[in-house]
N, C-alpha and C. Protein backbone atom coordinates (compact mmCIF):
# COMPACT_ATOMS: atom_id res chain seq x y z
N MET A 1 28.77 15.38 -37.42
CA MET A 1 28.58 15.85 -36.04
C MET A 1 28.24 14.68 -35.10
N LYS A 2 27.40 13.78 -35.59
CA LYS A 2 27.02 12.63 -34.77
C LYS A 2 28.24 11.77 -34.44
N ALA A 3 29.09 11.55 -35.45
CA ALA A 3 30.30 10.75 -35.24
C ALA A 3 31.22 11.43 -34.23
N PHE A 4 31.30 12.77 -34.30
CA PHE A 4 32.14 13.54 -33.37
C PHE A 4 31.63 13.38 -31.94
N ILE A 5 30.33 13.51 -31.77
CA ILE A 5 29.73 13.40 -30.43
C ILE A 5 29.95 12.00 -29.87
N LEU A 6 29.75 10.98 -30.71
CA LEU A 6 29.95 9.59 -30.27
C LEU A 6 31.41 9.35 -29.87
N ASP A 7 32.35 9.96 -30.62
CA ASP A 7 33.77 9.81 -30.31
C ASP A 7 34.10 10.45 -28.97
N VAL A 8 33.56 11.64 -28.72
CA VAL A 8 33.77 12.33 -27.45
C VAL A 8 33.20 11.51 -26.29
N LEU A 9 32.00 10.99 -26.49
CA LEU A 9 31.36 10.19 -25.44
C LEU A 9 32.15 8.92 -25.14
N LYS A 10 32.72 8.31 -26.18
CA LYS A 10 33.53 7.10 -25.98
C LYS A 10 34.77 7.42 -25.16
N LYS A 11 35.43 8.53 -25.47
CA LYS A 11 36.64 8.91 -24.74
C LYS A 11 36.31 9.24 -23.29
N LEU A 12 35.19 9.92 -23.09
CA LEU A 12 34.75 10.21 -21.73
C LEU A 12 34.42 8.91 -20.98
N ALA A 13 33.77 7.99 -21.68
CA ALA A 13 33.40 6.71 -21.06
C ALA A 13 34.64 5.91 -20.68
N ASP A 14 35.65 5.90 -21.55
CA ASP A 14 36.89 5.19 -21.24
C ASP A 14 37.56 5.79 -20.01
N GLY A 15 37.50 7.12 -19.92
CA GLY A 15 38.05 7.79 -18.75
C GLY A 15 37.24 7.50 -17.50
N PHE A 16 35.91 7.50 -17.67
CA PHE A 16 35.04 7.22 -16.53
C PHE A 16 35.29 5.82 -15.98
N LEU A 17 35.42 4.85 -16.87
CA LEU A 17 35.65 3.46 -16.44
C LEU A 17 37.00 3.32 -15.73
N ALA A 18 38.01 4.03 -16.22
CA ALA A 18 39.30 4.00 -15.53
C ALA A 18 39.17 4.62 -14.14
N GLY A 19 38.43 5.73 -14.05
CA GLY A 19 38.20 6.35 -12.74
C GLY A 19 37.42 5.44 -11.80
N MET A 20 36.48 4.70 -12.36
CA MET A 20 35.69 3.76 -11.56
C MET A 20 36.58 2.65 -11.00
N LEU A 21 37.49 2.12 -11.85
CA LEU A 21 38.38 1.06 -11.38
C LEU A 21 39.37 1.57 -10.33
N ILE A 22 39.88 2.79 -10.52
CA ILE A 22 40.74 3.39 -9.50
C ILE A 22 39.97 3.56 -8.20
N SER A 23 38.69 3.91 -8.30
CA SER A 23 37.85 4.05 -7.12
C SER A 23 37.69 2.72 -6.39
N ILE A 24 37.53 1.65 -7.16
CA ILE A 24 37.41 0.32 -6.55
C ILE A 24 38.71 -0.05 -5.83
N GLY A 25 39.85 0.23 -6.50
CA GLY A 25 41.13 -0.02 -5.84
C GLY A 25 41.32 0.86 -4.61
N GLY A 26 40.92 2.14 -4.73
CA GLY A 26 41.03 3.05 -3.59
C GLY A 26 40.14 2.65 -2.44
N ALA A 27 38.95 2.13 -2.75
CA ALA A 27 38.04 1.67 -1.70
C ALA A 27 38.63 0.49 -0.93
N VAL A 28 39.29 -0.41 -1.66
CA VAL A 28 39.95 -1.54 -0.99
C VAL A 28 41.04 -1.03 -0.06
N PHE A 29 41.82 -0.07 -0.56
CA PHE A 29 42.89 0.50 0.27
C PHE A 29 42.32 1.15 1.53
N LEU A 30 41.23 1.91 1.36
CA LEU A 30 40.63 2.58 2.53
C LEU A 30 40.00 1.57 3.49
N ALA A 31 39.45 0.49 2.95
CA ALA A 31 38.86 -0.54 3.81
C ALA A 31 39.93 -1.21 4.67
N CYS A 32 41.15 -1.28 4.14
CA CYS A 32 42.26 -1.89 4.88
C CYS A 32 43.07 -0.87 5.66
N TYR A 33 42.73 0.41 5.51
CA TYR A 33 43.53 1.49 6.09
C TYR A 33 43.40 1.51 7.61
N THR A 34 44.50 1.26 8.28
CA THR A 34 44.54 1.27 9.75
C THR A 34 45.82 1.94 10.19
N GLU A 35 45.95 2.11 11.48
CA GLU A 35 47.17 2.70 12.03
C GLU A 35 48.34 1.72 12.00
N THR A 36 48.04 0.45 11.85
CA THR A 36 49.11 -0.55 11.79
C THR A 36 49.54 -0.76 10.34
N PRO A 37 50.82 -1.01 10.10
CA PRO A 37 51.33 -1.13 8.72
C PRO A 37 50.69 -2.25 7.92
N ILE A 38 50.32 -3.36 8.56
CA ILE A 38 49.86 -4.53 7.83
C ILE A 38 48.63 -4.22 6.97
N GLY A 39 47.70 -3.44 7.52
CA GLY A 39 46.50 -3.11 6.76
C GLY A 39 46.82 -2.29 5.52
N LYS A 40 47.74 -1.32 5.65
CA LYS A 40 48.13 -0.50 4.51
C LYS A 40 48.84 -1.33 3.46
N TYR A 41 49.64 -2.29 3.88
CA TYR A 41 50.35 -3.14 2.94
C TYR A 41 49.38 -4.01 2.14
N VAL A 42 48.42 -4.59 2.84
CA VAL A 42 47.42 -5.42 2.17
C VAL A 42 46.61 -4.58 1.19
N GLY A 43 46.17 -3.41 1.64
CA GLY A 43 45.40 -2.52 0.78
C GLY A 43 46.19 -2.06 -0.43
N GLY A 44 47.49 -1.77 -0.21
CA GLY A 44 48.34 -1.34 -1.31
C GLY A 44 48.51 -2.42 -2.36
N LEU A 45 48.64 -3.65 -1.93
CA LEU A 45 48.78 -4.76 -2.88
C LEU A 45 47.49 -4.98 -3.66
N LEU A 46 46.36 -4.91 -2.96
CA LEU A 46 45.08 -5.12 -3.64
C LEU A 46 44.72 -3.97 -4.57
N PHE A 47 45.27 -2.79 -4.31
CA PHE A 47 45.04 -1.64 -5.18
C PHE A 47 45.52 -1.93 -6.61
N CYS A 48 46.51 -2.82 -6.73
CA CYS A 48 47.05 -3.18 -8.04
C CYS A 48 45.97 -3.71 -8.98
N THR A 49 44.90 -4.26 -8.41
CA THR A 49 43.80 -4.78 -9.21
C THR A 49 43.30 -3.72 -10.19
N ALA A 50 43.25 -2.47 -9.72
CA ALA A 50 42.70 -1.39 -10.53
C ALA A 50 43.54 -1.15 -11.78
N LEU A 51 44.85 -0.93 -11.61
CA LEU A 51 45.68 -0.62 -12.78
C LEU A 51 45.83 -1.83 -13.69
N PHE A 52 45.87 -3.02 -13.12
CA PHE A 52 45.97 -4.22 -13.95
C PHE A 52 44.76 -4.33 -14.89
N CYS A 53 43.56 -4.13 -14.34
CA CYS A 53 42.35 -4.21 -15.17
C CYS A 53 42.32 -3.07 -16.19
N ILE A 54 42.79 -1.89 -15.82
CA ILE A 54 42.84 -0.76 -16.75
C ILE A 54 43.76 -1.07 -17.92
N CYS A 55 44.92 -1.65 -17.63
CA CYS A 55 45.86 -2.02 -18.69
C CYS A 55 45.28 -3.08 -19.61
N VAL A 56 44.66 -4.08 -19.03
CA VAL A 56 44.08 -5.17 -19.83
C VAL A 56 42.95 -4.65 -20.73
N LYS A 57 42.09 -3.80 -20.18
CA LYS A 57 40.94 -3.31 -20.93
C LYS A 57 41.26 -2.11 -21.82
N GLY A 58 42.40 -1.46 -21.57
CA GLY A 58 42.78 -0.31 -22.39
C GLY A 58 42.01 0.95 -22.08
N TYR A 59 41.53 1.10 -20.86
CA TYR A 59 40.79 2.30 -20.48
C TYR A 59 41.73 3.50 -20.34
N ALA A 60 41.15 4.69 -20.37
CA ALA A 60 41.94 5.93 -20.46
C ALA A 60 42.25 6.49 -19.07
N LEU A 61 43.35 6.04 -18.48
CA LEU A 61 43.82 6.60 -17.22
C LEU A 61 44.85 7.68 -17.54
N TYR A 62 44.61 8.89 -17.09
CA TYR A 62 45.48 10.03 -17.44
C TYR A 62 46.94 9.76 -17.08
N THR A 63 47.18 9.28 -15.87
CA THR A 63 48.57 9.08 -15.43
C THR A 63 49.27 7.96 -16.20
N GLY A 64 48.51 7.10 -16.84
CA GLY A 64 49.10 6.06 -17.65
C GLY A 64 49.34 6.47 -19.10
N ARG A 65 48.77 7.60 -19.49
CA ARG A 65 48.87 8.03 -20.89
C ARG A 65 49.70 9.29 -21.10
N ILE A 66 49.87 10.09 -20.07
CA ILE A 66 50.59 11.36 -20.22
C ILE A 66 52.02 11.13 -20.70
N GLY A 67 52.63 10.01 -20.33
CA GLY A 67 54.01 9.75 -20.72
C GLY A 67 54.20 9.53 -22.21
N TYR A 68 53.12 9.29 -22.96
CA TYR A 68 53.21 9.02 -24.39
C TYR A 68 52.86 10.24 -25.24
N VAL A 69 52.64 11.37 -24.58
CA VAL A 69 52.24 12.57 -25.31
C VAL A 69 53.37 13.10 -26.18
N LEU A 70 54.64 12.76 -25.84
CA LEU A 70 55.76 13.23 -26.65
C LEU A 70 55.85 12.49 -27.97
N GLU A 71 55.46 11.23 -28.00
CA GLU A 71 55.51 10.47 -29.24
C GLU A 71 54.20 10.54 -30.01
N LYS A 72 53.11 10.85 -29.31
CA LYS A 72 51.81 11.02 -29.96
C LYS A 72 51.21 12.34 -29.48
N HIS A 73 51.51 13.42 -30.19
CA HIS A 73 51.08 14.73 -29.70
C HIS A 73 50.24 15.49 -30.73
N SER A 74 49.44 14.77 -31.48
CA SER A 74 48.48 15.43 -32.36
C SER A 74 47.36 16.02 -31.52
N LYS A 75 46.58 16.90 -32.13
CA LYS A 75 45.45 17.50 -31.41
C LYS A 75 44.48 16.43 -30.93
N GLU A 76 44.29 15.41 -31.76
CA GLU A 76 43.36 14.34 -31.39
C GLU A 76 43.86 13.55 -30.19
N ASP A 77 45.18 13.27 -30.16
CA ASP A 77 45.76 12.53 -29.04
C ASP A 77 45.65 13.32 -27.74
N ILE A 78 45.95 14.62 -27.83
CA ILE A 78 45.90 15.46 -26.64
C ILE A 78 44.46 15.63 -26.16
N SER A 79 43.53 15.83 -27.09
CA SER A 79 42.12 15.98 -26.69
C SER A 79 41.60 14.69 -26.07
N ALA A 80 42.04 13.54 -26.60
CA ALA A 80 41.62 12.26 -26.03
C ALA A 80 42.12 12.11 -24.61
N MET A 81 43.36 12.55 -24.37
CA MET A 81 43.94 12.45 -23.04
C MET A 81 43.20 13.36 -22.05
N LEU A 82 42.89 14.57 -22.50
CA LEU A 82 42.19 15.52 -21.62
C LEU A 82 40.75 15.08 -21.36
N LEU A 83 40.10 14.54 -22.38
CA LEU A 83 38.75 14.00 -22.17
C LEU A 83 38.80 12.81 -21.22
N GLY A 84 39.87 12.01 -21.34
CA GLY A 84 40.05 10.89 -20.41
C GLY A 84 40.21 11.39 -18.98
N LEU A 85 40.97 12.48 -18.80
CA LEU A 85 41.14 13.06 -17.46
C LEU A 85 39.81 13.54 -16.90
N LEU A 86 39.01 14.17 -17.75
CA LEU A 86 37.68 14.61 -17.31
C LEU A 86 36.82 13.41 -16.92
N GLY A 87 36.92 12.34 -17.71
CA GLY A 87 36.20 11.11 -17.37
C GLY A 87 36.71 10.50 -16.08
N ASN A 88 38.03 10.53 -15.86
CA ASN A 88 38.61 10.06 -14.60
C ASN A 88 38.01 10.80 -13.41
N LEU A 89 37.91 12.12 -13.56
CA LEU A 89 37.35 12.94 -12.48
C LEU A 89 35.89 12.56 -12.22
N ALA A 90 35.10 12.44 -13.28
CA ALA A 90 33.69 12.09 -13.13
C ALA A 90 33.54 10.72 -12.47
N GLY A 91 34.34 9.75 -12.92
CA GLY A 91 34.25 8.40 -12.38
C GLY A 91 34.60 8.34 -10.90
N THR A 92 35.65 9.04 -10.51
CA THR A 92 36.07 9.00 -9.10
C THR A 92 35.10 9.76 -8.19
N VAL A 93 34.58 10.87 -8.70
CA VAL A 93 33.65 11.65 -7.87
C VAL A 93 32.35 10.87 -7.66
N VAL A 94 31.79 10.33 -8.73
CA VAL A 94 30.54 9.57 -8.62
C VAL A 94 30.74 8.34 -7.73
N CYS A 95 31.78 7.58 -8.00
CA CYS A 95 32.02 6.36 -7.22
C CYS A 95 32.41 6.69 -5.78
N GLY A 96 33.18 7.75 -5.61
CA GLY A 96 33.57 8.15 -4.25
C GLY A 96 32.36 8.48 -3.40
N TYR A 97 31.43 9.23 -3.98
CA TYR A 97 30.21 9.59 -3.25
C TYR A 97 29.37 8.36 -2.93
N LEU A 98 29.17 7.50 -3.93
CA LEU A 98 28.32 6.32 -3.73
C LEU A 98 28.91 5.34 -2.73
N ILE A 99 30.23 5.09 -2.84
CA ILE A 99 30.88 4.13 -1.94
C ILE A 99 30.86 4.66 -0.50
N ALA A 100 31.12 5.96 -0.33
CA ALA A 100 31.09 6.55 1.00
C ALA A 100 29.69 6.50 1.60
N LEU A 101 28.69 6.66 0.73
CA LEU A 101 27.30 6.61 1.19
C LEU A 101 26.93 5.20 1.64
N ALA A 102 27.44 4.22 0.93
CA ALA A 102 27.09 2.83 1.23
C ALA A 102 27.90 2.24 2.38
N ILE A 103 29.16 2.72 2.51
CA ILE A 103 30.07 2.15 3.53
C ILE A 103 30.66 3.31 4.35
N PRO A 104 30.00 3.73 5.42
CA PRO A 104 30.45 4.88 6.21
C PRO A 104 31.88 4.75 6.74
N SER A 105 32.33 3.53 7.01
CA SER A 105 33.69 3.35 7.54
C SER A 105 34.74 3.79 6.51
N ILE A 106 34.44 3.61 5.24
CA ILE A 106 35.36 4.05 4.18
C ILE A 106 35.42 5.57 4.15
N LYS A 107 34.28 6.22 4.35
CA LYS A 107 34.27 7.68 4.40
C LYS A 107 35.10 8.18 5.59
N GLU A 108 35.00 7.52 6.72
CA GLU A 108 35.78 7.92 7.90
C GLU A 108 37.28 7.79 7.63
N ASN A 109 37.68 6.69 7.01
CA ASN A 109 39.10 6.49 6.71
C ASN A 109 39.58 7.46 5.64
N ALA A 110 38.71 7.78 4.68
CA ALA A 110 39.06 8.75 3.64
C ALA A 110 39.27 10.13 4.26
N LEU A 111 38.41 10.48 5.20
CA LEU A 111 38.53 11.77 5.88
C LEU A 111 39.84 11.85 6.67
N LEU A 112 40.18 10.77 7.34
CA LEU A 112 41.43 10.71 8.10
C LEU A 112 42.63 10.85 7.17
N LEU A 113 42.59 10.12 6.06
CA LEU A 113 43.69 10.14 5.09
C LEU A 113 43.85 11.52 4.45
N CYS A 114 42.74 12.11 4.02
CA CYS A 114 42.79 13.38 3.31
C CYS A 114 43.18 14.55 4.22
N ASN A 115 42.68 14.54 5.44
CA ASN A 115 43.10 15.58 6.39
C ASN A 115 44.60 15.50 6.64
N GLY A 116 45.11 14.29 6.70
CA GLY A 116 46.55 14.12 6.88
C GLY A 116 47.33 14.69 5.71
N LYS A 117 46.84 14.49 4.50
CA LYS A 117 47.51 15.02 3.32
C LYS A 117 47.53 16.55 3.34
N LEU A 118 46.41 17.15 3.68
CA LEU A 118 46.31 18.60 3.66
C LEU A 118 47.09 19.26 4.78
N GLN A 119 47.17 18.61 5.92
CA GLN A 119 47.77 19.23 7.09
C GLN A 119 49.26 18.96 7.24
N SER A 120 49.73 17.85 6.69
CA SER A 120 51.13 17.46 6.95
C SER A 120 52.08 17.70 5.78
N GLN A 121 51.55 18.12 4.63
CA GLN A 121 52.39 18.30 3.45
C GLN A 121 52.38 19.74 2.96
N ALA A 122 53.57 20.28 2.73
CA ALA A 122 53.67 21.55 2.00
C ALA A 122 53.44 21.26 0.52
N LEU A 123 53.07 22.27 -0.25
CA LEU A 123 52.77 22.05 -1.66
C LEU A 123 53.97 21.52 -2.43
N TRP A 124 55.18 22.00 -2.09
CA TRP A 124 56.36 21.52 -2.79
C TRP A 124 56.63 20.04 -2.48
N GLN A 125 56.27 19.63 -1.27
CA GLN A 125 56.41 18.22 -0.93
C GLN A 125 55.40 17.37 -1.71
N THR A 126 54.19 17.88 -1.85
CA THR A 126 53.17 17.19 -2.63
C THR A 126 53.60 17.05 -4.08
N LEU A 127 54.19 18.12 -4.64
CA LEU A 127 54.66 18.10 -6.02
C LEU A 127 55.73 17.02 -6.23
N ILE A 128 56.68 16.94 -5.31
CA ILE A 128 57.75 15.94 -5.42
C ILE A 128 57.19 14.54 -5.29
N ARG A 129 56.29 14.34 -4.34
CA ARG A 129 55.67 13.02 -4.17
C ARG A 129 54.93 12.61 -5.44
N ALA A 130 54.24 13.55 -6.05
CA ALA A 130 53.48 13.27 -7.27
C ALA A 130 54.43 12.99 -8.44
N PHE A 131 55.56 13.68 -8.48
CA PHE A 131 56.54 13.47 -9.54
C PHE A 131 57.03 12.02 -9.55
N PHE A 132 57.42 11.51 -8.40
CA PHE A 132 57.93 10.15 -8.34
C PHE A 132 56.84 9.11 -8.58
N CYS A 133 55.62 9.44 -8.19
CA CYS A 133 54.50 8.55 -8.51
C CYS A 133 54.31 8.47 -10.02
N GLY A 134 54.43 9.62 -10.70
CA GLY A 134 54.28 9.66 -12.15
C GLY A 134 55.30 8.77 -12.85
N ILE A 135 56.53 8.75 -12.34
CA ILE A 135 57.57 7.89 -12.91
C ILE A 135 57.18 6.42 -12.76
N LEU A 136 56.74 6.05 -11.58
CA LEU A 136 56.41 4.64 -11.32
C LEU A 136 55.19 4.18 -12.12
N VAL A 137 54.19 5.03 -12.25
CA VAL A 137 53.01 4.63 -13.03
C VAL A 137 53.38 4.49 -14.50
N PHE A 138 54.21 5.41 -15.01
CA PHE A 138 54.65 5.28 -16.40
C PHE A 138 55.39 3.96 -16.61
N LEU A 139 56.29 3.62 -15.69
CA LEU A 139 57.05 2.38 -15.82
C LEU A 139 56.12 1.16 -15.79
N ALA A 140 55.14 1.19 -14.90
CA ALA A 140 54.20 0.07 -14.79
C ALA A 140 53.44 -0.13 -16.10
N VAL A 141 52.93 0.97 -16.67
CA VAL A 141 52.15 0.90 -17.90
C VAL A 141 53.05 0.54 -19.08
N ASP A 142 54.25 1.13 -19.13
CA ASP A 142 55.14 0.89 -20.26
C ASP A 142 55.63 -0.56 -20.29
N LEU A 143 55.89 -1.13 -19.13
CA LEU A 143 56.30 -2.53 -19.08
C LEU A 143 55.18 -3.43 -19.60
N TYR A 144 53.94 -3.09 -19.25
CA TYR A 144 52.81 -3.88 -19.73
C TYR A 144 52.62 -3.69 -21.23
N LYS A 145 52.72 -2.45 -21.68
CA LYS A 145 52.44 -2.13 -23.09
C LYS A 145 53.53 -2.63 -24.03
N ASN A 146 54.77 -2.40 -23.69
CA ASN A 146 55.87 -2.68 -24.62
C ASN A 146 56.64 -3.96 -24.33
N HIS A 147 56.47 -4.50 -23.12
CA HIS A 147 57.20 -5.73 -22.76
C HIS A 147 56.27 -6.87 -22.38
N LYS A 148 54.96 -6.60 -22.49
CA LYS A 148 53.93 -7.64 -22.30
C LYS A 148 54.05 -8.35 -20.95
N THR A 149 54.32 -7.57 -19.90
CA THR A 149 54.38 -8.15 -18.56
C THR A 149 53.62 -7.27 -17.58
N SER A 150 52.89 -7.90 -16.69
CA SER A 150 52.16 -7.16 -15.65
C SER A 150 52.98 -7.04 -14.37
N LEU A 151 54.23 -7.50 -14.42
CA LEU A 151 55.07 -7.46 -13.23
C LEU A 151 55.27 -6.03 -12.73
N GLY A 152 55.38 -5.09 -13.67
CA GLY A 152 55.55 -3.69 -13.28
C GLY A 152 54.38 -3.16 -12.48
N VAL A 153 53.17 -3.60 -12.84
CA VAL A 153 51.98 -3.17 -12.10
C VAL A 153 52.06 -3.61 -10.65
N PHE A 154 52.45 -4.87 -10.44
CA PHE A 154 52.45 -5.44 -9.09
C PHE A 154 53.70 -5.09 -8.28
N LEU A 155 54.65 -4.39 -8.92
CA LEU A 155 55.82 -3.90 -8.19
C LEU A 155 55.79 -2.38 -8.05
N CYS A 156 55.52 -1.68 -9.16
CA CYS A 156 55.59 -0.21 -9.14
C CYS A 156 54.44 0.42 -8.36
N ILE A 157 53.24 -0.16 -8.44
CA ILE A 157 52.10 0.44 -7.75
C ILE A 157 52.24 0.35 -6.23
N PRO A 158 52.54 -0.84 -5.66
CA PRO A 158 52.80 -0.87 -4.22
C PRO A 158 53.97 0.02 -3.83
N ALA A 159 54.96 0.15 -4.72
CA ALA A 159 56.13 0.99 -4.42
C ALA A 159 55.71 2.44 -4.20
N PHE A 160 54.82 2.96 -5.05
CA PHE A 160 54.42 4.36 -4.84
C PHE A 160 53.47 4.51 -3.65
N ILE A 161 52.66 3.51 -3.41
CA ILE A 161 51.72 3.59 -2.28
C ILE A 161 52.48 3.53 -0.95
N PHE A 162 53.38 2.56 -0.82
CA PHE A 162 54.12 2.40 0.43
C PHE A 162 55.10 3.55 0.67
N SER A 163 55.52 4.21 -0.42
CA SER A 163 56.45 5.34 -0.27
C SER A 163 55.73 6.63 0.12
N GLY A 164 54.41 6.64 0.00
CA GLY A 164 53.66 7.84 0.33
C GLY A 164 53.58 8.84 -0.82
N TYR A 165 53.84 8.36 -2.05
CA TYR A 165 53.73 9.24 -3.21
C TYR A 165 52.25 9.51 -3.52
N GLU A 166 52.02 10.55 -4.34
CA GLU A 166 50.64 11.01 -4.59
C GLU A 166 50.20 10.70 -6.02
N HIS A 167 49.05 10.04 -6.14
CA HIS A 167 48.45 9.72 -7.44
C HIS A 167 47.17 10.54 -7.60
N SER A 168 47.14 11.38 -8.63
CA SER A 168 46.05 12.36 -8.75
C SER A 168 44.68 11.72 -8.86
N ILE A 169 44.54 10.64 -9.63
CA ILE A 169 43.22 10.05 -9.82
C ILE A 169 42.76 9.34 -8.54
N ALA A 170 43.68 8.66 -7.87
CA ALA A 170 43.34 8.05 -6.58
C ALA A 170 42.95 9.13 -5.57
N ASP A 171 43.70 10.25 -5.57
CA ASP A 171 43.38 11.33 -4.64
C ASP A 171 42.01 11.93 -4.93
N MET A 172 41.62 11.99 -6.21
CA MET A 172 40.27 12.46 -6.54
C MET A 172 39.23 11.60 -5.84
N PHE A 173 39.45 10.29 -5.88
CA PHE A 173 38.51 9.38 -5.21
C PHE A 173 38.53 9.59 -3.70
N TYR A 174 39.73 9.67 -3.11
CA TYR A 174 39.83 9.81 -1.66
C TYR A 174 39.12 11.07 -1.17
N PHE A 175 39.32 12.17 -1.89
CA PHE A 175 38.68 13.43 -1.46
C PHE A 175 37.17 13.39 -1.71
N ALA A 176 36.76 12.75 -2.80
CA ALA A 176 35.31 12.62 -3.05
C ALA A 176 34.66 11.77 -1.96
N ALA A 177 35.33 10.67 -1.58
CA ALA A 177 34.79 9.79 -0.54
C ALA A 177 34.78 10.47 0.82
N SER A 178 35.75 11.35 1.05
CA SER A 178 35.84 12.03 2.35
C SER A 178 34.79 13.12 2.50
N GLY A 179 34.29 13.63 1.37
CA GLY A 179 33.33 14.72 1.43
C GLY A 179 33.96 16.08 1.54
N LEU A 180 35.29 16.13 1.53
CA LEU A 180 36.00 17.42 1.61
C LEU A 180 35.96 18.10 0.26
N ALA A 181 35.47 19.31 0.22
CA ALA A 181 35.41 20.08 -1.02
C ALA A 181 35.72 21.54 -0.70
N SER A 182 36.86 22.02 -1.19
CA SER A 182 37.28 23.39 -0.92
C SER A 182 38.30 23.82 -1.97
N TRP A 183 38.65 25.11 -1.97
CA TRP A 183 39.70 25.58 -2.87
C TRP A 183 41.04 24.92 -2.52
N GLU A 184 41.25 24.64 -1.25
CA GLU A 184 42.47 23.97 -0.84
C GLU A 184 42.56 22.56 -1.44
N THR A 185 41.43 21.87 -1.41
CA THR A 185 41.36 20.53 -2.00
C THR A 185 41.64 20.58 -3.50
N LEU A 186 41.00 21.55 -4.19
CA LEU A 186 41.18 21.70 -5.63
C LEU A 186 42.64 22.01 -5.96
N GLY A 187 43.25 22.91 -5.18
CA GLY A 187 44.65 23.24 -5.39
C GLY A 187 45.56 22.04 -5.19
N PHE A 188 45.25 21.24 -4.18
CA PHE A 188 46.04 20.03 -3.90
C PHE A 188 45.99 19.08 -5.10
N ILE A 189 44.80 18.86 -5.63
CA ILE A 189 44.63 17.94 -6.76
C ILE A 189 45.39 18.44 -7.98
N TRP A 190 45.35 19.75 -8.25
CA TRP A 190 46.05 20.29 -9.41
C TRP A 190 47.56 20.15 -9.26
N ILE A 191 48.07 20.34 -8.06
CA ILE A 191 49.50 20.16 -7.83
C ILE A 191 49.90 18.70 -8.11
N VAL A 192 49.05 17.78 -7.68
CA VAL A 192 49.34 16.36 -7.90
C VAL A 192 49.27 16.02 -9.40
N ILE A 193 48.31 16.59 -10.11
CA ILE A 193 48.22 16.37 -11.56
C ILE A 193 49.49 16.86 -12.25
N ILE A 194 49.95 18.05 -11.86
CA ILE A 194 51.17 18.61 -12.46
C ILE A 194 52.37 17.72 -12.15
N GLY A 195 52.49 17.30 -10.90
CA GLY A 195 53.61 16.43 -10.51
C GLY A 195 53.58 15.10 -11.23
N ASN A 196 52.40 14.48 -11.32
CA ASN A 196 52.26 13.22 -12.06
C ASN A 196 52.64 13.39 -13.52
N SER A 197 52.23 14.52 -14.10
CA SER A 197 52.52 14.79 -15.50
C SER A 197 54.03 14.93 -15.73
N LEU A 198 54.69 15.68 -14.87
CA LEU A 198 56.14 15.86 -14.99
C LEU A 198 56.87 14.53 -14.81
N GLY A 199 56.41 13.73 -13.85
CA GLY A 199 57.03 12.43 -13.62
C GLY A 199 56.80 11.47 -14.77
N GLY A 200 55.58 11.47 -15.31
CA GLY A 200 55.27 10.60 -16.43
C GLY A 200 56.04 10.95 -17.69
N LEU A 201 56.38 12.23 -17.85
CA LEU A 201 57.11 12.69 -19.04
C LEU A 201 58.63 12.59 -18.88
N PHE A 202 59.09 12.37 -17.66
CA PHE A 202 60.53 12.48 -17.38
C PHE A 202 61.36 11.46 -18.18
N ILE A 203 61.03 10.18 -18.06
CA ILE A 203 61.79 9.13 -18.76
C ILE A 203 61.63 9.25 -20.28
N PRO A 204 60.41 9.44 -20.81
CA PRO A 204 60.28 9.61 -22.26
C PRO A 204 61.07 10.81 -22.80
N LEU A 205 61.13 11.89 -22.01
CA LEU A 205 61.88 13.07 -22.44
C LEU A 205 63.37 12.78 -22.51
N LEU A 206 63.92 12.11 -21.49
CA LEU A 206 65.33 11.74 -21.51
C LEU A 206 65.63 10.80 -22.67
N LYS A 207 64.71 9.88 -22.93
CA LYS A 207 64.88 8.94 -24.05
C LYS A 207 64.89 9.69 -25.37
N LEU A 208 64.01 10.67 -25.52
CA LEU A 208 63.93 11.45 -26.75
C LEU A 208 65.20 12.26 -26.95
N ILE A 209 65.72 12.86 -25.90
CA ILE A 209 66.96 13.63 -25.98
C ILE A 209 68.12 12.72 -26.40
N GLY A 210 68.16 11.52 -25.81
CA GLY A 210 69.22 10.56 -26.15
C GLY A 210 69.15 10.15 -27.61
N GLN A 211 67.95 9.95 -28.13
CA GLN A 211 67.78 9.56 -29.53
C GLN A 211 68.23 10.67 -30.47
N LYS A 212 67.93 11.92 -30.11
CA LYS A 212 68.33 13.06 -30.95
C LYS A 212 69.84 13.20 -30.99
N LYS A 213 70.50 12.94 -29.86
CA LYS A 213 71.95 13.05 -29.82
C LYS A 213 72.61 11.97 -30.68
N ARG A 214 72.00 10.78 -30.69
CA ARG A 214 72.57 9.70 -31.51
C ARG A 214 72.37 9.97 -33.00
N VAL A 215 71.27 10.62 -33.35
CA VAL A 215 70.97 10.92 -34.75
C VAL A 215 71.79 12.09 -35.25
N ASP A 216 72.05 13.07 -34.39
CA ASP A 216 72.75 14.30 -34.76
C ASP A 216 74.24 14.02 -34.93
N PRO A 217 74.79 14.12 -36.14
CA PRO A 217 76.21 13.83 -36.35
C PRO A 217 77.13 14.86 -35.70
N GLN A 218 76.58 16.05 -35.40
CA GLN A 218 77.39 17.08 -34.78
C GLN A 218 77.52 16.89 -33.28
N ALA A 219 76.69 16.00 -32.70
CA ALA A 219 76.67 15.85 -31.24
C ALA A 219 78.00 15.38 -30.73
N GLY A 220 78.67 14.47 -31.46
CA GLY A 220 79.94 13.94 -30.97
C GLY A 220 81.09 14.90 -31.14
N GLN A 221 80.91 16.01 -31.95
CA GLN A 221 81.99 16.94 -32.19
C GLN A 221 81.98 18.11 -31.24
N GLU A 222 80.93 18.24 -30.46
CA GLU A 222 80.84 19.37 -29.55
C GLU A 222 81.52 19.07 -28.23
């Protein structure tokens, strides 16, 4: 039982640390957030610090791990991913509150950003934005993991930020920093989680289908 509890706490801690790093990246983005494009571009580039450190340290970021659930889908793998997501939520909420408390200007920018998300996007638009973000985050992590390059992090992450795509863990931080808490906010976050999940699974699913067709000798006869 003790070993089980320690394992759960470790998975939660890995998720919390990933959420904390996303919060640090999100805080930089909000600090640079202005009506002029230059501030958003600088903030978007500096946001890469978060995912780069997460990849190097191996922390449990949900959007970086969901794409591997098809190749590793044991109960332990899935529970680790879900515990990581819970840790992500805890890390972003705690850090969002503390950072907003310490730096009121970040809270103001978070409120401006989050109100814009809630007021200007239909849910189906949010889902699509989250889907494409999921693809880019998977590519960034996969390039680092399987090709030993961080280039994907510094290309794919600014790509989703500048495109206006939605990242669920970053959004958790933005809403926590803004102080907005409602059923609408919760619904928004869940839609983004679903979209990120579908996007993260998209390329691995196509790859898996392609592998099955190559293995199946009947595939070429149909």
